[in-house]
Protein backbone atom coordinates (compact mmCIF):
# COMPACT_ATOMS: atom_id res chain seq x y z
CA MET A 1 14.23 28.56 -53.77
CA GLY A 2 11.52 26.99 -51.95
CA THR A 3 14.02 24.07 -50.65
CA GLU A 4 16.30 26.37 -49.29
CA ILE A 5 13.63 28.48 -47.21
CA LEU A 6 12.45 24.82 -46.10
CA LEU A 7 16.12 24.26 -44.76
CA TYR A 8 16.46 27.57 -43.19
CA PHE A 9 13.40 26.91 -41.26
CA TYR A 10 14.14 23.71 -39.93
CA GLY A 11 17.76 24.97 -39.22
CA LEU A 12 16.02 28.05 -36.82
CA VAL A 13 13.70 25.41 -35.45
CA CYS A 14 16.61 23.25 -34.49
CA LEU A 15 18.18 26.33 -32.91
CA SER A 16 15.64 27.27 -31.31
CA MET A 17 15.17 23.67 -29.81
CA LEU A 18 18.67 23.88 -28.57
CA ALA A 19 18.10 27.37 -27.33
CA PHE A 20 15.46 26.18 -25.37
CA ASN A 21 17.15 22.99 -23.83
CA ILE A 22 20.17 25.06 -22.81
CA VAL A 23 17.88 27.73 -21.03
CA TYR A 24 15.87 25.33 -19.41
CA SER A 25 18.98 23.48 -18.21
CA LEU A 26 20.01 26.59 -16.37
CA TYR A 27 16.66 27.34 -15.13
CA LEU A 28 16.72 23.56 -13.51
CA ARG A 29 20.21 24.24 -11.99
CA LEU A 30 19.30 27.62 -10.81
CA GLY A 31 16.47 26.03 -9.16
CA ASP A 32 18.43 23.01 -7.20
CA ARG A 33 20.90 25.85 -6.14
CA LYS A 34 18.21 28.04 -4.79
CA LEU A 35 16.90 24.85 -2.81
CA ASP A 36 20.22 23.94 -1.97
CA GLN A 37 20.47 27.32 -0.02
CA ARG A 38 17.17 27.09 1.62
CA VAL A 39 18.05 23.25 2.80
CA SER A 40 21.17 25.34 4.13
CA PHE A 41 19.60 27.84 6.00
CA PHE A 42 16.99 25.49 7.49
CA SER A 43 19.62 23.25 8.82
CA ARG A 44 21.30 25.82 10.05
CA ALA A 45 18.42 27.32 12.02
CA VAL A 46 17.29 23.58 13.40
CA SER A 47 20.92 22.82 14.45
CA ASP A 48 21.04 26.12 16.68
CA GLN A 49 17.76 24.95 18.41
CA LEU A 50 19.02 21.75 18.91
CA GLN A 51 21.79 23.26 21.02
CA HIS A 52 19.40 25.22 22.88
CA ILE A 53 17.74 22.31 23.73
CA ARG A 54 20.90 20.28 24.48
CA ALA A 55 21.88 23.27 26.87
CA GLY A 56 18.38 22.83 28.65
CA GLN A 57 16.73 25.75 26.90
CA PRO A 58 13.17 25.14 24.89
CA VAL A 59 12.69 26.02 21.24
CA GLU A 60 13.11 29.96 20.79
CA THR A 61 10.06 31.64 20.05
CA ARG A 62 11.26 33.61 17.14
CA HIS A 63 12.37 30.20 15.38
CA LEU A 64 8.65 29.14 15.66
CA ALA A 65 7.47 32.45 14.45
CA SER A 66 10.19 31.85 11.41
CA LEU A 67 8.42 28.50 10.82
CA ASN A 68 5.17 29.82 10.88
CA ARG A 69 5.98 32.23 8.05
CA ARG A 70 8.17 30.87 5.73
CA LEU A 71 6.55 27.10 5.75
CA SER A 72 3.59 28.64 4.48
CA ARG A 73 5.22 28.43 1.04
CA VAL A 74 5.66 24.97 -0.03
CA SER A 75 9.28 25.30 -1.89
CA ASN A 76 10.26 26.14 1.56
CA LEU A 77 8.34 23.37 3.53
CA LEU A 78 10.28 21.03 0.71
CA ALA A 79 13.58 22.63 1.81
CA TYR A 80 12.79 22.00 5.67
CA ASP A 81 11.61 18.39 5.01
CA ARG A 82 15.04 18.10 3.57
CA ALA A 83 16.88 19.26 6.63
CA LEU A 84 14.72 17.15 8.86
CA GLU A 85 15.87 13.96 6.84
CA ALA A 86 19.47 14.67 7.81
CA LEU A 87 18.72 14.53 11.30
CA PRO A 88 19.78 11.55 13.23
CA ARG A 89 16.43 9.13 14.07
CA GLN A 90 17.37 8.35 17.42
CA ASP A 91 18.36 11.60 19.47
CA ALA A 92 16.35 12.77 22.75
CA ALA A 93 17.05 16.48 21.28
CA VAL A 94 15.37 15.85 17.93
CA GLU A 95 12.64 14.24 19.64
CA SER A 96 12.19 17.10 21.81
CA TYR A 97 12.60 19.75 19.10
CA LEU A 98 9.90 18.06 16.95
CA HIS A 99 7.60 17.97 20.11
CA GLN A 100 8.09 21.96 20.70
CA ILE A 101 7.50 22.66 16.90
CA GLU A 102 3.66 21.09 17.78
CA PRO A 103 1.95 24.94 17.54
CA THR A 104 3.75 25.09 14.24
CA ILE A 105 2.51 22.28 12.88
CA LEU A 106 -0.91 22.69 13.68
CA TYR A 107 -0.40 26.37 12.48
CA LEU A 108 0.45 25.00 9.04
CA ALA A 109 -2.39 22.36 8.71
CA THR A 110 -4.86 25.26 9.20
CA LYS A 111 -2.78 26.74 6.55
CA TYR A 112 -2.72 24.37 3.75
CA ARG A 113 -6.29 22.97 4.37
CA ARG A 114 -7.35 25.88 2.16
CA ARG A 115 -4.42 25.49 -0.28
CA GLU A 116 -5.19 23.06 -3.56
CA ASN A 117 -4.59 19.62 -3.78
CA THR A 118 -0.68 19.52 -4.63
CA GLN A 119 0.08 21.39 -1.56
CA ALA A 120 -2.39 19.93 0.58
CA ALA A 121 -0.71 16.25 -0.81
CA PHE A 122 2.57 17.32 -0.20
CA PHE A 123 1.89 18.62 3.65
CA CYS A 124 0.44 15.13 4.01
CA TYR A 125 3.54 13.70 3.00
CA PHE A 126 5.79 15.75 5.13
CA LEU A 127 3.96 14.76 8.40
CA ALA A 128 3.77 10.98 7.43
CA GLN A 129 7.74 11.21 6.01
CA ASN A 130 9.28 12.65 8.96
CA ARG A 131 7.21 10.61 11.58
CA ILE A 132 6.60 14.37 12.98
CA LEU A 133 3.06 13.09 14.06
CA ARG A 134 4.46 9.98 16.40
CA GLN A 135 4.98 13.15 18.63
CA MET A 136 2.02 14.51 18.27
CA PRO A 137 -1.30 13.07 19.54
CA MET A 138 -3.35 15.95 18.58
CA ASP A 139 -6.96 15.38 18.04
CA GLU A 140 -7.47 18.84 15.80
CA ILE A 141 -4.65 18.07 13.19
CA GLN A 142 -6.32 14.55 12.78
CA ARG A 143 -9.74 16.47 12.10
CA ILE A 144 -7.94 18.43 9.51
CA LEU A 145 -6.10 15.44 7.68
CA VAL A 146 -9.30 13.49 7.63
CA THR A 147 -10.80 16.21 5.51
CA PHE A 148 -7.99 15.75 3.17
CA THR A 149 -8.74 12.22 2.74
CA SER A 150 -12.25 13.36 0.84
CA ARG A 151 -10.53 15.28 -1.82
CA ASP A 152 -10.82 14.52 -5.50
CA SER A 153 -7.11 14.22 -5.68
CA LEU A 154 -5.99 10.49 -5.01
CA TYR A 155 -2.44 11.58 -4.11
CA CYS A 156 -3.76 14.23 -1.47
CA ARG A 157 -5.89 11.02 -0.08
CA VAL A 158 -3.61 8.43 0.19
CA ASN A 159 -0.92 11.06 1.54
CA ALA A 160 -3.42 11.88 4.11
CA LEU A 161 -4.37 8.43 5.02
CA LYS A 162 -0.73 7.73 5.56
CA ALA A 163 -0.14 10.78 7.66
CA LEU A 164 -3.06 9.36 9.81
CA CYS A 165 -1.49 6.00 10.25
CA ALA A 166 1.89 7.77 11.31
CA PHE A 167 -0.53 8.96 14.29
CA GLY A 168 -0.80 5.42 15.22
CA SER A 169 -4.24 5.77 16.74
CA ALA A 170 -6.60 3.08 15.86
CA GLU A 171 -9.69 4.39 16.68
CA THR A 172 -8.85 7.42 14.27
CA ILE A 173 -8.03 5.43 11.21
CA VAL A 174 -11.11 3.21 11.31
CA ASP A 175 -13.25 6.62 12.08
CA THR A 176 -11.72 7.80 8.76
CA LEU A 177 -12.33 4.59 6.97
CA LEU A 178 -15.84 4.66 7.71
CA TYR A 179 -15.99 8.41 6.44
CA CYS A 180 -14.13 8.11 3.41
CA ASP A 181 -16.75 5.06 3.06
CA ARG A 182 -19.43 7.14 3.28
CA GLN A 183 -18.40 10.14 1.21
CA SER A 184 -17.51 7.39 -1.52
CA SER A 185 -14.03 9.01 -2.13
CA PHE A 186 -12.11 5.89 -1.07
CA LEU A 187 -8.99 4.42 -2.57
CA HIS A 188 -7.94 1.36 -4.95
CA ALA A 189 -8.03 -1.91 -2.43
CA LYS A 190 -4.20 -2.32 -3.30
CA VAL A 191 -3.58 1.00 -2.31
CA LEU A 192 -5.52 0.85 0.79
CA VAL A 193 -4.29 -2.28 1.96
CA GLU A 194 -0.09 -1.21 1.46
CA THR A 195 -0.99 2.49 3.14
CA LEU A 196 -2.81 0.43 6.41
CA LEU A 197 0.28 -1.76 6.62
CA SER A 198 2.02 1.08 7.11
CA PHE A 199 0.04 1.90 10.53
CA THR A 200 2.62 2.73 13.22
CA GLY A 201 0.10 1.63 16.11
CA ASN A 202 -1.10 -1.59 17.49
CA HIS A 203 -2.31 -3.69 14.62
CA ALA A 204 -4.12 -6.00 16.88
CA GLU A 205 -6.13 -3.10 18.42
CA LEU A 206 -6.78 -1.61 14.89
CA ILE A 207 -8.26 -5.44 13.42
CA ARG A 208 -10.26 -5.47 16.45
CA LEU A 209 -11.90 -2.58 16.00
CA VAL A 210 -12.41 -3.01 12.19
CA TRP A 211 -14.10 -6.08 13.16
CA GLU A 212 -16.41 -4.66 15.28
CA ARG A 213 -17.65 -2.23 12.53
CA PHE A 214 -17.27 -4.58 9.82
CA ASP A 215 -20.70 -4.35 8.96
CA ARG A 216 -20.77 -0.80 8.50
CA PHE A 217 -18.53 -0.73 5.62
CA SER A 218 -19.25 -1.09 1.70
CA ASN A 219 -18.40 -4.30 -0.19
CA GLY A 220 -15.23 -2.98 -1.44
CA THR A 221 -13.98 -1.47 1.50
CA LYS A 222 -14.68 -5.08 3.14
CA ARG A 223 -12.55 -6.78 0.65
CA ALA A 224 -9.43 -4.25 1.50
CA LEU A 225 -10.19 -4.65 5.33
CA LEU A 226 -10.16 -8.78 4.73
CA ASP A 227 -6.88 -8.46 2.52
CA TYR A 228 -5.30 -6.53 5.47
CA ILE A 229 -6.18 -8.81 8.23
CA ARG A 230 -4.73 -11.81 6.09
CA PHE A 231 -1.49 -9.91 6.27
CA ASN A 232 -1.18 -9.44 9.59
CA SER A 233 -3.51 -11.97 11.53
CA GLY A 234 -4.15 -15.55 11.69
CA ALA A 235 -6.52 -15.19 14.91
CA TYR A 236 -9.85 -14.42 12.92
CA CYS A 237 -10.11 -18.18 11.46
CA GLU A 238 -13.58 -18.69 12.98
CA GLN A 239 -14.68 -15.38 11.83
CA MET A 240 -13.57 -15.87 8.21
CA LEU A 241 -14.93 -19.45 8.12
CA GLY A 242 -18.29 -17.99 8.55
CA LEU A 243 -17.88 -15.35 5.72
CA MET A 244 -16.82 -18.34 3.54
CA LEU A 245 -19.38 -20.46 4.38
CA ASP A 246 -22.51 -18.05 4.42
CA PRO A 247 -23.92 -17.95 0.68
CA LYS A 248 -25.50 -14.32 1.33
CA THR A 249 -22.21 -13.16 1.53
CA ASP A 250 -20.85 -11.12 -1.55
CA LYS A 251 -18.60 -13.40 -3.17
CA GLU A 252 -15.58 -11.55 -3.35
CA LEU A 253 -15.53 -11.48 0.45
CA ARG A 254 -15.64 -15.35 0.40
CA LEU A 255 -13.07 -15.11 -1.96
CA ALA A 256 -10.89 -13.40 0.29
CA ALA A 257 -12.11 -15.20 3.24
CA ILE A 258 -10.51 -18.79 1.03
CA ARG A 259 -7.17 -16.63 0.49
CA TYR A 260 -6.86 -16.18 4.14
CA PHE A 261 -6.96 -20.10 4.77
CA GLY A 262 -4.48 -20.40 2.35
CA ARG A 263 -1.78 -18.30 4.41
CA TYR A 264 -3.41 -19.90 7.81
CA TYR A 265 -3.75 -23.57 8.27
CA TYR A 266 -6.86 -24.32 9.91
CA LEU A 267 -8.41 -27.77 9.98
CA PRO A 268 -12.40 -27.08 9.96
CA ALA A 269 -11.96 -25.09 6.76
CA LYS A 270 -10.25 -28.11 5.08
CA GLN A 271 -13.26 -30.01 3.90
CA PRO A 272 -15.26 -26.79 2.85
CA LEU A 273 -12.24 -26.19 0.38
CA LEU A 274 -12.29 -29.72 -0.30
CA GLU A 275 -15.90 -29.50 -1.45
CA PHE A 276 -15.19 -25.80 -3.27
CA VAL A 277 -12.50 -27.57 -5.33
CA SER A 278 -14.89 -30.49 -6.58
CA SER A 279 -17.62 -28.33 -7.36
CA PRO A 280 -19.06 -28.99 -10.80
CA ASP A 281 -20.37 -25.44 -10.92
CA GLU A 282 -18.32 -23.96 -13.92
CA LEU A 283 -20.22 -20.68 -13.25
CA ASN A 284 -18.42 -20.21 -9.93
CA TRP A 285 -15.28 -21.49 -11.05
CA GLU A 286 -13.20 -19.07 -9.06
CA TYR A 287 -14.10 -20.61 -5.77
CA ALA A 288 -12.39 -24.09 -7.22
CA ALA A 289 -9.57 -21.91 -8.33
CA ILE A 290 -8.95 -20.10 -5.25
CA SER A 291 -9.52 -23.21 -3.16
CA ALA A 292 -7.07 -24.96 -5.41
CA THR A 293 -4.14 -22.51 -4.20
CA ALA A 294 -5.15 -22.63 -0.33
CA LEU A 295 -5.22 -26.43 -0.38
CA SER A 296 -1.43 -26.05 -0.96
CA ASN A 297 -1.52 -25.08 2.88
CA TYR A 298 -3.31 -28.60 3.79
CA THR A 299 -2.00 -31.90 3.46
CA GLY A 300 -3.28 -35.60 2.85
CA GLU A 301 -4.58 -38.25 0.12
CA ASP A 302 -8.05 -36.67 0.10
CA VAL A 303 -6.09 -33.47 -0.77
CA ASP A 304 -4.27 -34.87 -3.38
CA ALA A 305 -7.02 -36.60 -4.66
CA ALA A 306 -9.08 -33.78 -5.20
CA LEU A 307 -6.36 -31.43 -6.42
CA VAL A 308 -5.61 -34.56 -9.06
CA ARG A 309 -9.19 -34.37 -10.19
CA ALA A 310 -9.17 -30.50 -10.39
CA ILE A 311 -6.57 -31.07 -12.90
CA HIS A 312 -9.39 -32.23 -15.09
CA SER A 313 -11.37 -29.43 -14.86
CA SER A 314 -12.76 -27.22 -17.88
CA ASN A 315 -11.35 -24.26 -16.50
CA TRP A 316 -7.53 -23.28 -17.18
CA TYR A 317 -7.18 -21.49 -13.91
CA VAL A 318 -8.58 -24.39 -11.65
CA ARG A 319 -6.00 -26.45 -13.83
CA TYR A 320 -2.93 -24.49 -13.13
CA ASN A 321 -3.59 -23.79 -9.68
CA ALA A 322 -4.25 -27.39 -8.82
CA ALA A 323 -0.97 -28.23 -10.46
CA ILE A 324 0.99 -25.79 -8.67
CA SER A 325 -0.62 -27.20 -5.16
CA LEU A 326 0.52 -30.48 -6.16
CA GLU A 327 4.30 -29.42 -6.61
CA SER A 328 4.18 -27.90 -3.49
CA HIS A 329 3.06 -31.20 -2.04
CA GLY A 330 6.08 -32.83 -3.16
CA MET A 331 4.42 -34.73 -6.08
CA THR A 332 6.88 -34.78 -9.20
CA TYR A 333 5.77 -34.61 -12.73
CA GLU A 334 5.81 -38.04 -13.36
CA GLU A 335 3.91 -38.74 -10.42
CA MET A 336 1.12 -36.49 -11.57
CA LEU A 337 1.33 -37.74 -14.88
CA ALA A 338 0.58 -41.02 -13.82
CA ALA A 339 -2.09 -39.81 -11.70
CA VAL A 340 -4.16 -37.57 -14.28
CA GLY A 341 -3.44 -40.70 -17.08
CA PRO A 342 -3.59 -40.45 -20.87
CA GLY A 343 -7.18 -39.66 -21.18
CA ASP A 344 -7.23 -36.32 -20.82
CA ARG A 345 -5.01 -34.07 -23.22
CA TYR A 346 -5.85 -30.75 -21.32
CA ALA A 347 -4.60 -32.07 -18.20
CA ARG A 348 -1.73 -33.24 -19.60
CA GLU A 349 -0.52 -30.08 -21.43
CA MET A 350 -1.12 -28.16 -18.30
CA LEU A 351 1.31 -30.50 -16.67
CA ALA A 352 3.69 -30.03 -19.59
CA TYR A 353 3.20 -26.57 -19.26
CA ARG A 354 3.78 -26.41 -15.33
CA LEU A 355 7.50 -28.56 -16.16
CA GLU A 356 8.60 -25.91 -18.79
CA SER A 357 7.85 -23.13 -16.34
CA ARG A 358 9.64 -24.66 -13.57
CA ARG A 359 12.70 -25.67 -15.91
CA GLN A 360 12.96 -21.73 -17.11
CA GLN A 361 12.51 -20.52 -13.56
CA GLU A 362 15.37 -22.67 -12.51
CA GLU A 363 17.49 -21.88 -15.76
CA THR A 364 17.08 -18.18 -14.49
CA LEU A 365 18.29 -18.84 -11.27
CA LEU A 366 21.46 -20.44 -12.42
CA VAL A 367 22.14 -17.13 -14.71
């Protein structure tokens, strides 16, 4: 009897789960249908306004009033976002439309400024995704977006900074970075670099302003900014060399400067890199390891000799990076093996490891 009750109970649970899944599936379909209806509504409304613009008339006031009222709800903003995605990007009428809805965007910015993080984050995403801000160099919106970057939501901070990058204002971006740094509400270095790479303005101008105020940033932000500069400009070799050689500079910043010279060849940096890779200081092995990688960008017998010596290092990463750089210089496995000699088992094991890794990579490419 007890077993039968247990089976009936189990069957009831299964039926309940099945019913829940069916109801939830219907709910999702209903939600998708409602979203499609909203998208169609906004598509028709925007299409009507584009016809007005092509006829030489402005966007209707009632359309702006409707947007003010409807887009205050995030569900409608999502539908409006989908409708704008379907518009042709290289169309004068579309650009004119985006410019004329500027009052609505400013109104919505003031509304979503008081919303919770998820809604505020989506509003920032909406602005950046549709490149609306390219048409709207408005200081007021930028000031509101800056306040979003200090919220406790990572998603909100990232989207706010992306929206600011869509403005293309180098001055605003630098001011925002300083503001966030002071508020201790900043992003992970990789996220910050990726976001800055989406900047739509003049990167050279942004880097110039960053460097002018570089000393005002915290070391964590400085590290991210150095990586951003490395991906964009080779015009700061002299400044990077100064950072790399200054023993008072934070270690992570000096390492970032070494990586810079692995991307951009700069003859005055060659000798310091050789000294780093040859340093016997095992406590600061990072300098040797990253310098070994950077030296792949430099040639010469002195470079190859220093890298061969580095393969004898007690640190695995130094040996590994040195072997890769020698490979990039065209040195074969047999040549490296002969240069290393038979006396160091760890060096020979590293070369064997690199040979096997290269063989596996070649087999993967052939598949």
